[in-house]
Amino acid sequence: MVCWASSDKDPLLGDAHPAPNVPVTVPMQGGARVVELAVGFDFACARAAGNGLYCWGTDSDGSLASGQAEGPAVRTPRRIVRADGSPLSVVSVSAVENHACAVADDGEVLCWGAVYGTESVPPRMRPAPTLTRRLDPKTARVHVSGTFACATDARTRLRLGILARFRIET
């Protein structure tokens, strides 16, 4: 995976990358191969072969699913884990600005970051609200844009969400 930035002080690449618009190889833990990439304002998440989810960048508003409102910056991709400490495996991931959503390999839709927290509770990974059933992980995809999220699978025509409220049509 290679990334580049228009600034020499980019939070995803760190202060040591050569210059603006120069591609830099981003090393993955254990040499994992990236199969899907989602990039937010100052963070990124990569789904690796085997469905492991890795994120890095600035943890503004819990965008790295850390459970902290302002965690430390992470300069290299780190494996994302569930609240119980088990590694999260996903079949789809999407990010924008300072939040993201993913479909876990069991069909659960999880979201984290600014849109999914409140001022008194640090943002953390949580299930998307009001979904009546899990998605089919073989065909599920999730997409995030601004405060809007959509998830679909082969059994569902459309799933819409605004500010984490979902409507289901099957």
N, C-alpha and C. Protein backbone atom coordinates (compact mmCIF):
# COMPACT_ATOMS: atom_id res chain seq x y z
N MET A 1 0.85 -1.17 0.00
CA MET A 1 0.00 0.00 0.00
C MET A 1 0.90 1.23 0.00
N VAL A 2 0.59 2.17 -0.86
CA VAL A 2 1.31 3.44 -0.88
C VAL A 2 0.32 4.57 -0.69
N CYS A 3 0.75 5.60 0.02
CA CYS A 3 -0.08 6.78 0.27
C CYS A 3 0.76 8.03 0.05
N TRP A 4 0.12 9.14 -0.23
CA TRP A 4 0.81 10.42 -0.37
C TRP A 4 -0.11 11.51 0.12
N ALA A 5 0.45 12.68 0.36
CA ALA A 5 -0.31 13.79 0.93
C ALA A 5 0.12 15.10 0.29
N SER A 6 -0.77 16.09 0.36
CA SER A 6 -0.44 17.40 -0.21
C SER A 6 0.32 18.27 0.78
N SER A 7 0.53 17.76 2.00
CA SER A 7 1.24 18.50 3.04
C SER A 7 2.43 17.69 3.53
N ASP A 8 3.48 18.36 3.99
CA ASP A 8 4.62 17.62 4.54
C ASP A 8 4.43 17.29 6.01
N LYS A 9 3.31 17.65 6.60
CA LYS A 9 3.02 17.35 8.00
C LYS A 9 1.71 16.56 8.10
N ASP A 10 1.52 15.57 7.26
CA ASP A 10 0.27 14.82 7.20
C ASP A 10 0.16 13.83 8.36
N PRO A 11 -1.00 13.74 9.04
CA PRO A 11 -1.14 12.83 10.17
C PRO A 11 -1.10 11.35 9.79
N LEU A 12 -1.41 11.01 8.55
CA LEU A 12 -1.38 9.60 8.15
C LEU A 12 0.03 9.11 7.87
N LEU A 13 0.88 9.98 7.38
CA LEU A 13 2.21 9.56 6.98
C LEU A 13 3.28 9.97 7.98
N GLY A 14 2.96 10.80 8.95
CA GLY A 14 3.94 11.24 9.94
C GLY A 14 4.78 12.38 9.42
N ASP A 15 5.62 12.89 10.28
CA ASP A 15 6.43 14.06 9.92
C ASP A 15 7.66 13.70 9.10
N ALA A 16 7.96 12.41 8.98
CA ALA A 16 9.21 12.00 8.35
C ALA A 16 9.09 11.70 6.85
N HIS A 17 7.89 11.80 6.27
CA HIS A 17 7.83 11.47 4.84
C HIS A 17 8.52 12.56 4.02
N PRO A 18 9.03 12.21 2.84
CA PRO A 18 9.97 13.06 2.11
C PRO A 18 9.45 14.46 1.74
N ALA A 19 8.30 14.55 1.12
CA ALA A 19 7.80 15.84 0.64
C ALA A 19 6.35 15.68 0.20
N PRO A 20 5.63 16.78 0.03
CA PRO A 20 4.26 16.68 -0.46
C PRO A 20 4.19 15.92 -1.80
N ASN A 21 3.14 15.14 -1.95
CA ASN A 21 2.84 14.41 -3.18
C ASN A 21 3.91 13.39 -3.59
N VAL A 22 4.66 12.88 -2.62
CA VAL A 22 5.62 11.81 -2.87
C VAL A 22 5.05 10.54 -2.24
N PRO A 23 4.78 9.51 -3.02
CA PRO A 23 4.22 8.27 -2.46
C PRO A 23 5.17 7.63 -1.45
N VAL A 24 4.58 7.14 -0.36
CA VAL A 24 5.30 6.48 0.72
C VAL A 24 4.67 5.12 0.95
N THR A 25 5.46 4.08 1.08
CA THR A 25 4.95 2.76 1.40
C THR A 25 4.53 2.73 2.87
N VAL A 26 3.31 2.29 3.13
CA VAL A 26 2.81 2.17 4.50
C VAL A 26 2.89 0.69 4.87
N PRO A 27 3.75 0.34 5.82
CA PRO A 27 3.90 -1.08 6.18
C PRO A 27 2.73 -1.59 7.01
N MET A 28 2.28 -2.78 6.71
CA MET A 28 1.20 -3.43 7.46
C MET A 28 1.81 -4.41 8.45
N GLN A 29 1.16 -4.57 9.62
CA GLN A 29 1.62 -5.52 10.63
C GLN A 29 1.68 -6.92 10.01
N GLY A 30 2.79 -7.59 10.24
CA GLY A 30 2.95 -8.96 9.76
C GLY A 30 2.93 -9.10 8.25
N GLY A 31 3.12 -8.00 7.53
CA GLY A 31 3.11 -8.05 6.08
C GLY A 31 1.73 -8.31 5.48
N ALA A 32 0.66 -8.00 6.23
CA ALA A 32 -0.70 -8.23 5.73
C ALA A 32 -0.91 -7.53 4.39
N ARG A 33 -1.67 -8.16 3.51
CA ARG A 33 -1.97 -7.61 2.18
C ARG A 33 -3.30 -6.87 2.23
N VAL A 34 -3.31 -5.61 1.79
CA VAL A 34 -4.51 -4.78 1.82
C VAL A 34 -5.41 -5.12 0.63
N VAL A 35 -6.72 -5.33 0.90
CA VAL A 35 -7.68 -5.59 -0.16
C VAL A 35 -8.75 -4.50 -0.26
N GLU A 36 -8.85 -3.64 0.74
CA GLU A 36 -9.81 -2.53 0.70
C GLU A 36 -9.28 -1.42 1.60
N LEU A 37 -9.46 -0.18 1.17
CA LEU A 37 -8.95 0.97 1.90
C LEU A 37 -10.05 2.01 2.06
N ALA A 38 -10.17 2.58 3.26
CA ALA A 38 -11.14 3.64 3.54
C ALA A 38 -10.39 4.79 4.21
N VAL A 39 -10.54 6.00 3.68
CA VAL A 39 -9.78 7.14 4.18
C VAL A 39 -10.72 8.24 4.66
N GLY A 40 -10.51 8.69 5.91
CA GLY A 40 -11.25 9.80 6.47
C GLY A 40 -10.44 11.07 6.37
N PHE A 41 -10.79 12.08 7.18
CA PHE A 41 -10.11 13.37 7.13
C PHE A 41 -8.64 13.24 7.54
N ASP A 42 -8.39 12.61 8.69
CA ASP A 42 -7.01 12.47 9.17
C ASP A 42 -6.74 11.07 9.72
N PHE A 43 -7.44 10.08 9.18
CA PHE A 43 -7.23 8.69 9.55
C PHE A 43 -7.57 7.81 8.37
N ALA A 44 -7.12 6.57 8.42
CA ALA A 44 -7.44 5.60 7.37
C ALA A 44 -7.61 4.23 8.00
N CYS A 45 -8.38 3.38 7.34
CA CYS A 45 -8.57 2.00 7.76
C CYS A 45 -8.37 1.10 6.55
N ALA A 46 -7.74 -0.02 6.75
CA ALA A 46 -7.49 -0.97 5.67
C ALA A 46 -8.00 -2.33 6.08
N ARG A 47 -8.73 -2.97 5.15
CA ARG A 47 -9.14 -4.36 5.35
C ARG A 47 -8.09 -5.22 4.67
N ALA A 48 -7.55 -6.15 5.43
CA ALA A 48 -6.50 -7.01 4.91
C ALA A 48 -7.09 -8.32 4.41
N ALA A 49 -6.33 -9.03 3.58
CA ALA A 49 -6.71 -10.39 3.20
C ALA A 49 -6.88 -11.16 4.51
N GLY A 50 -7.93 -11.94 4.62
CA GLY A 50 -8.26 -12.59 5.88
C GLY A 50 -9.21 -11.77 6.72
N ASN A 51 -9.56 -10.56 6.24
CA ASN A 51 -10.59 -9.68 6.81
C ASN A 51 -10.21 -8.95 8.09
N GLY A 52 -8.93 -8.92 8.47
CA GLY A 52 -8.52 -8.11 9.61
C GLY A 52 -8.68 -6.64 9.28
N LEU A 53 -9.06 -5.82 10.27
CA LEU A 53 -9.22 -4.37 10.08
C LEU A 53 -8.10 -3.66 10.82
N TYR A 54 -7.39 -2.80 10.10
CA TYR A 54 -6.27 -2.02 10.64
C TYR A 54 -6.55 -0.55 10.40
N CYS A 55 -6.31 0.31 11.42
CA CYS A 55 -6.52 1.75 11.26
C CYS A 55 -5.31 2.49 11.79
N TRP A 56 -5.11 3.73 11.28
CA TRP A 56 -4.02 4.58 11.74
C TRP A 56 -4.36 6.03 11.42
N GLY A 57 -3.61 6.94 12.01
CA GLY A 57 -3.81 8.37 11.81
C GLY A 57 -4.10 9.06 13.13
N THR A 58 -4.80 10.19 13.06
CA THR A 58 -5.15 10.94 14.25
C THR A 58 -6.46 10.42 14.80
N ASP A 59 -6.51 10.21 16.10
CA ASP A 59 -7.70 9.64 16.74
C ASP A 59 -8.67 10.74 17.19
N SER A 60 -8.92 11.71 16.31
CA SER A 60 -9.86 12.77 16.67
C SER A 60 -11.27 12.21 16.74
N ASP A 61 -11.95 12.51 17.80
CA ASP A 61 -13.34 12.09 17.99
C ASP A 61 -13.54 10.57 17.93
N GLY A 62 -12.53 9.81 18.30
CA GLY A 62 -12.66 8.35 18.31
C GLY A 62 -12.63 7.71 16.95
N SER A 63 -12.02 8.38 15.96
CA SER A 63 -12.03 7.85 14.59
C SER A 63 -11.22 6.57 14.43
N LEU A 64 -10.42 6.19 15.43
CA LEU A 64 -9.67 4.93 15.38
C LEU A 64 -10.32 3.84 16.22
N ALA A 65 -11.57 4.06 16.63
CA ALA A 65 -12.34 3.07 17.41
C ALA A 65 -11.65 2.73 18.72
N SER A 66 -10.98 3.72 19.32
CA SER A 66 -10.23 3.49 20.55
C SER A 66 -11.07 3.61 21.81
N GLY A 67 -12.25 4.21 21.70
CA GLY A 67 -13.07 4.46 22.89
C GLY A 67 -12.64 5.72 23.62
N GLN A 68 -11.75 6.50 23.01
CA GLN A 68 -11.32 7.77 23.58
C GLN A 68 -11.76 8.89 22.67
N ALA A 69 -12.13 10.02 23.25
CA ALA A 69 -12.54 11.17 22.44
C ALA A 69 -11.36 11.76 21.69
N GLU A 70 -10.18 11.76 22.28
CA GLU A 70 -8.98 12.28 21.63
C GLU A 70 -7.80 11.39 21.99
N GLY A 71 -7.69 10.26 21.36
CA GLY A 71 -6.57 9.37 21.63
C GLY A 71 -5.33 9.84 20.91
N PRO A 72 -4.19 9.23 21.18
CA PRO A 72 -2.95 9.62 20.52
C PRO A 72 -2.94 9.22 19.04
N ALA A 73 -2.15 9.95 18.26
CA ALA A 73 -1.99 9.61 16.84
C ALA A 73 -1.28 8.27 16.72
N VAL A 74 -1.68 7.48 15.75
CA VAL A 74 -1.09 6.17 15.47
C VAL A 74 -0.48 6.28 14.08
N ARG A 75 0.84 6.11 13.97
CA ARG A 75 1.55 6.34 12.71
C ARG A 75 1.62 5.12 11.80
N THR A 76 1.38 3.93 12.34
CA THR A 76 1.38 2.73 11.51
C THR A 76 0.07 1.98 11.75
N PRO A 77 -0.44 1.29 10.75
CA PRO A 77 -1.71 0.58 10.91
C PRO A 77 -1.68 -0.39 12.09
N ARG A 78 -2.71 -0.33 12.94
CA ARG A 78 -2.82 -1.27 14.07
C ARG A 78 -4.13 -2.02 13.95
N ARG A 79 -4.13 -3.27 14.40
CA ARG A 79 -5.30 -4.14 14.31
C ARG A 79 -6.38 -3.62 15.25
N ILE A 80 -7.60 -3.53 14.76
CA ILE A 80 -8.74 -3.08 15.55
C ILE A 80 -9.37 -4.29 16.24
N VAL A 81 -9.69 -4.13 17.50
CA VAL A 81 -10.28 -5.21 18.28
C VAL A 81 -11.65 -4.78 18.81
N ARG A 82 -12.47 -5.77 19.12
CA ARG A 82 -13.78 -5.52 19.73
C ARG A 82 -13.58 -5.14 21.20
N ALA A 83 -14.66 -4.72 21.86
CA ALA A 83 -14.60 -4.32 23.27
C ALA A 83 -14.07 -5.45 24.16
N ASP A 84 -14.32 -6.72 23.77
CA ASP A 84 -13.85 -7.84 24.59
C ASP A 84 -12.39 -8.22 24.30
N GLY A 85 -11.74 -7.47 23.40
CA GLY A 85 -10.34 -7.72 23.08
C GLY A 85 -10.10 -8.65 21.91
N SER A 86 -11.17 -9.25 21.37
CA SER A 86 -11.00 -10.16 20.23
C SER A 86 -10.81 -9.35 18.94
N PRO A 87 -9.97 -9.83 18.03
CA PRO A 87 -9.73 -9.12 16.77
C PRO A 87 -11.02 -8.99 15.96
N LEU A 88 -11.24 -7.82 15.39
CA LEU A 88 -12.40 -7.59 14.55
C LEU A 88 -12.08 -8.03 13.12
N SER A 89 -12.94 -8.85 12.54
CA SER A 89 -12.83 -9.25 11.14
C SER A 89 -14.00 -8.65 10.39
N VAL A 90 -13.72 -8.01 9.24
CA VAL A 90 -14.76 -7.31 8.50
C VAL A 90 -14.75 -7.71 7.03
N VAL A 91 -15.91 -7.55 6.39
CA VAL A 91 -16.03 -7.83 4.96
C VAL A 91 -16.16 -6.55 4.14
N SER A 92 -16.39 -5.40 4.81
CA SER A 92 -16.51 -4.12 4.13
C SER A 92 -16.23 -3.01 5.12
N VAL A 93 -15.58 -1.93 4.66
CA VAL A 93 -15.31 -0.78 5.52
C VAL A 93 -15.43 0.49 4.69
N SER A 94 -15.93 1.57 5.32
CA SER A 94 -16.06 2.86 4.67
C SER A 94 -15.79 3.95 5.70
N ALA A 95 -15.16 5.04 5.27
CA ALA A 95 -14.84 6.14 6.18
C ALA A 95 -15.01 7.47 5.47
N VAL A 96 -15.28 8.50 6.26
CA VAL A 96 -15.34 9.87 5.76
C VAL A 96 -15.12 10.80 6.94
N GLU A 97 -14.54 11.94 6.72
CA GLU A 97 -14.31 12.93 7.77
C GLU A 97 -13.75 12.27 9.03
N ASN A 98 -14.52 12.18 10.12
CA ASN A 98 -14.00 11.64 11.38
C ASN A 98 -14.86 10.48 11.91
N HIS A 99 -15.44 9.71 11.02
CA HIS A 99 -16.18 8.52 11.44
C HIS A 99 -16.14 7.45 10.35
N ALA A 100 -16.47 6.21 10.76
CA ALA A 100 -16.41 5.08 9.84
C ALA A 100 -17.42 4.03 10.24
N CYS A 101 -17.73 3.14 9.31
CA CYS A 101 -18.58 1.98 9.57
C CYS A 101 -17.96 0.77 8.87
N ALA A 102 -18.26 -0.41 9.38
CA ALA A 102 -17.78 -1.65 8.78
C ALA A 102 -18.84 -2.72 8.96
N VAL A 103 -18.83 -3.70 8.07
CA VAL A 103 -19.67 -4.89 8.22
C VAL A 103 -18.75 -5.99 8.70
N ALA A 104 -19.03 -6.52 9.90
CA ALA A 104 -18.24 -7.61 10.47
C ALA A 104 -18.50 -8.89 9.70
N ASP A 105 -17.61 -9.85 9.83
CA ASP A 105 -17.77 -11.10 9.08
C ASP A 105 -18.94 -11.95 9.58
N ASP A 106 -19.60 -11.52 10.66
CA ASP A 106 -20.83 -12.19 11.10
C ASP A 106 -22.08 -11.42 10.64
N GLY A 107 -21.89 -10.34 9.83
CA GLY A 107 -23.01 -9.57 9.29
C GLY A 107 -23.43 -8.38 10.13
N GLU A 108 -22.82 -8.18 11.29
CA GLU A 108 -23.16 -7.03 12.14
C GLU A 108 -22.54 -5.77 11.54
N VAL A 109 -23.32 -4.67 11.51
CA VAL A 109 -22.81 -3.39 11.06
C VAL A 109 -22.36 -2.60 12.28
N LEU A 110 -21.09 -2.17 12.28
CA LEU A 110 -20.51 -1.43 13.39
C LEU A 110 -20.06 -0.05 12.90
N CYS A 111 -20.25 0.98 13.74
CA CYS A 111 -19.84 2.33 13.38
C CYS A 111 -19.08 2.96 14.54
N TRP A 112 -18.20 3.90 14.25
CA TRP A 112 -17.43 4.58 15.29
C TRP A 112 -17.02 5.96 14.80
N GLY A 113 -16.66 6.82 15.75
CA GLY A 113 -16.22 8.17 15.45
C GLY A 113 -17.23 9.20 15.91
N ALA A 114 -17.07 10.44 15.45
CA ALA A 114 -17.81 11.58 15.97
C ALA A 114 -19.32 11.45 15.85
N VAL A 115 -19.83 10.97 14.75
CA VAL A 115 -21.28 10.90 14.55
C VAL A 115 -21.92 9.91 15.52
N TYR A 116 -21.16 8.94 16.01
CA TYR A 116 -21.72 7.85 16.80
C TYR A 116 -21.46 7.99 18.30
N GLY A 117 -21.03 9.16 18.75
CA GLY A 117 -20.81 9.41 20.17
C GLY A 117 -21.63 10.61 20.62
N THR A 118 -21.51 10.94 21.89
CA THR A 118 -22.14 12.15 22.41
C THR A 118 -21.08 12.94 23.14
N GLU A 119 -21.40 14.14 23.56
CA GLU A 119 -20.41 14.95 24.26
C GLU A 119 -19.99 14.33 25.58
N SER A 120 -20.86 13.60 26.25
CA SER A 120 -20.52 13.04 27.56
C SER A 120 -19.95 11.62 27.49
N VAL A 121 -20.09 10.95 26.37
CA VAL A 121 -19.60 9.58 26.23
C VAL A 121 -18.59 9.54 25.08
N PRO A 122 -17.35 9.08 25.33
CA PRO A 122 -16.38 9.01 24.24
C PRO A 122 -16.88 8.10 23.12
N PRO A 123 -16.67 8.50 21.87
CA PRO A 123 -17.09 7.65 20.76
C PRO A 123 -16.36 6.31 20.80
N ARG A 124 -17.07 5.24 20.54
CA ARG A 124 -16.47 3.92 20.48
C ARG A 124 -17.25 3.10 19.47
N MET A 125 -16.67 2.01 19.07
CA MET A 125 -17.34 1.15 18.11
C MET A 125 -18.63 0.63 18.73
N ARG A 126 -19.71 0.72 17.96
CA ARG A 126 -21.00 0.22 18.46
C ARG A 126 -21.83 -0.27 17.28
N PRO A 127 -22.77 -1.17 17.53
CA PRO A 127 -23.63 -1.63 16.45
C PRO A 127 -24.46 -0.48 15.89
N ALA A 128 -24.68 -0.49 14.60
CA ALA A 128 -25.57 0.49 13.99
C ALA A 128 -26.98 0.24 14.54
N PRO A 129 -27.70 1.28 14.94
CA PRO A 129 -28.99 1.10 15.60
C PRO A 129 -30.11 0.65 14.67
N THR A 130 -31.06 -0.02 15.23
CA THR A 130 -32.34 -0.42 14.64
C THR A 130 -32.26 -1.37 13.44
N LEU A 131 -31.13 -1.99 13.18
CA LEU A 131 -31.11 -3.00 12.12
C LEU A 131 -31.80 -4.25 12.67
N THR A 132 -32.80 -4.74 11.96
CA THR A 132 -33.60 -5.86 12.47
C THR A 132 -32.93 -7.21 12.29
N ARG A 133 -31.92 -7.27 11.44
CA ARG A 133 -31.20 -8.52 11.24
C ARG A 133 -29.80 -8.21 10.75
N ARG A 134 -28.93 -9.18 10.90
CA ARG A 134 -27.57 -9.01 10.40
C ARG A 134 -27.56 -9.16 8.88
N LEU A 135 -26.60 -8.53 8.25
CA LEU A 135 -26.46 -8.63 6.80
C LEU A 135 -25.81 -9.95 6.43
N ASP A 136 -25.98 -10.36 5.18
CA ASP A 136 -25.30 -11.53 4.66
C ASP A 136 -23.84 -11.14 4.39
N PRO A 137 -22.89 -11.65 5.16
CA PRO A 137 -21.51 -11.21 5.00
C PRO A 137 -20.89 -11.55 3.65
N LYS A 138 -21.47 -12.48 2.92
CA LYS A 138 -20.93 -12.82 1.60
C LYS A 138 -21.18 -11.71 0.58
N THR A 139 -22.23 -10.90 0.78
CA THR A 139 -22.57 -9.87 -0.21
C THR A 139 -22.71 -8.48 0.40
N ALA A 140 -22.47 -8.32 1.69
CA ALA A 140 -22.70 -7.04 2.37
C ALA A 140 -21.65 -6.00 2.02
N ARG A 141 -22.09 -4.75 1.94
CA ARG A 141 -21.22 -3.60 1.72
C ARG A 141 -21.78 -2.43 2.53
N VAL A 142 -20.89 -1.57 3.01
CA VAL A 142 -21.29 -0.38 3.75
C VAL A 142 -20.60 0.83 3.14
N HIS A 143 -21.29 1.98 3.13
CA HIS A 143 -20.74 3.23 2.60
C HIS A 143 -21.15 4.37 3.51
N VAL A 144 -20.21 5.27 3.79
CA VAL A 144 -20.43 6.40 4.68
C VAL A 144 -20.11 7.68 3.93
N SER A 145 -20.94 8.71 4.12
CA SER A 145 -20.69 10.02 3.53
C SER A 145 -21.29 11.08 4.44
N GLY A 146 -20.47 11.95 4.99
CA GLY A 146 -20.95 12.97 5.90
C GLY A 146 -21.62 12.32 7.11
N THR A 147 -22.87 12.67 7.37
CA THR A 147 -23.61 12.07 8.48
C THR A 147 -24.55 10.99 7.99
N PHE A 148 -24.33 10.49 6.81
CA PHE A 148 -25.22 9.54 6.15
C PHE A 148 -24.48 8.21 5.96
N ALA A 149 -25.16 7.09 6.21
CA ALA A 149 -24.56 5.78 6.00
C ALA A 149 -25.55 4.85 5.32
N CYS A 150 -25.06 4.00 4.45
CA CYS A 150 -25.90 3.00 3.79
C CYS A 150 -25.20 1.64 3.87
N ALA A 151 -25.98 0.60 4.03
CA ALA A 151 -25.46 -0.76 4.02
C ALA A 151 -26.45 -1.62 3.25
N THR A 152 -25.93 -2.58 2.51
CA THR A 152 -26.80 -3.44 1.71
C THR A 152 -26.19 -4.83 1.61
N ASP A 153 -27.03 -5.79 1.28
CA ASP A 153 -26.59 -7.13 0.94
C ASP A 153 -27.52 -7.64 -0.16
N ALA A 154 -27.31 -8.86 -0.64
CA ALA A 154 -28.09 -9.39 -1.74
C ALA A 154 -29.57 -9.58 -1.38
N ARG A 155 -29.88 -9.70 -0.09
CA ARG A 155 -31.26 -9.92 0.34
C ARG A 155 -32.02 -8.61 0.57
N THR A 156 -31.35 -7.47 0.52
CA THR A 156 -31.96 -6.19 0.89
C THR A 156 -31.81 -5.22 -0.26
N ARG A 157 -32.90 -4.55 -0.61
CA ARG A 157 -32.84 -3.56 -1.67
C ARG A 157 -32.11 -2.30 -1.22
N LEU A 158 -32.38 -1.84 0.01
CA LEU A 158 -31.79 -0.58 0.43
C LEU A 158 -31.84 -0.45 1.94
N ARG A 159 -30.78 0.06 2.52
CA ARG A 159 -30.74 0.41 3.94
C ARG A 159 -30.21 1.83 4.00
N LEU A 160 -30.99 2.73 4.56
CA LEU A 160 -30.59 4.13 4.61
C LEU A 160 -30.38 4.57 6.04
N GLY A 161 -29.47 5.52 6.24
CA GLY A 161 -29.27 6.04 7.59
C GLY A 161 -28.88 7.50 7.57
N ILE A 162 -29.45 8.27 8.45
CA ILE A 162 -29.06 9.65 8.66
C ILE A 162 -28.77 9.81 10.14
N LEU A 163 -27.55 10.26 10.46
CA LEU A 163 -27.16 10.40 11.86
C LEU A 163 -27.46 9.14 12.66
N ALA A 164 -27.09 8.00 12.10
CA ALA A 164 -27.20 6.70 12.76
C ALA A 164 -28.63 6.21 12.92
N ARG A 165 -29.61 6.73 12.18
CA ARG A 165 -30.96 6.21 12.18
C ARG A 165 -31.15 5.46 10.87
N PHE A 166 -31.59 4.23 10.93
CA PHE A 166 -31.68 3.40 9.74
C PHE A 166 -33.13 3.03 9.44
N ARG A 167 -33.45 2.97 8.15
CA ARG A 167 -34.75 2.50 7.66
C ARG A 167 -34.47 1.29 6.77
N ILE A 168 -35.25 0.26 6.93
CA ILE A 168 -34.99 -0.98 6.20
C ILE A 168 -36.13 -1.28 5.24
N GLU A 169 -35.77 -1.60 4.01
CA GLU A 169 -36.75 -2.09 3.03
C GLU A 169 -36.24 -3.44 2.55
N THR A 170 -37.03 -4.49 2.75
CA THR A 170 -36.59 -5.81 2.29
C THR A 170 -37.48 -6.31 1.18
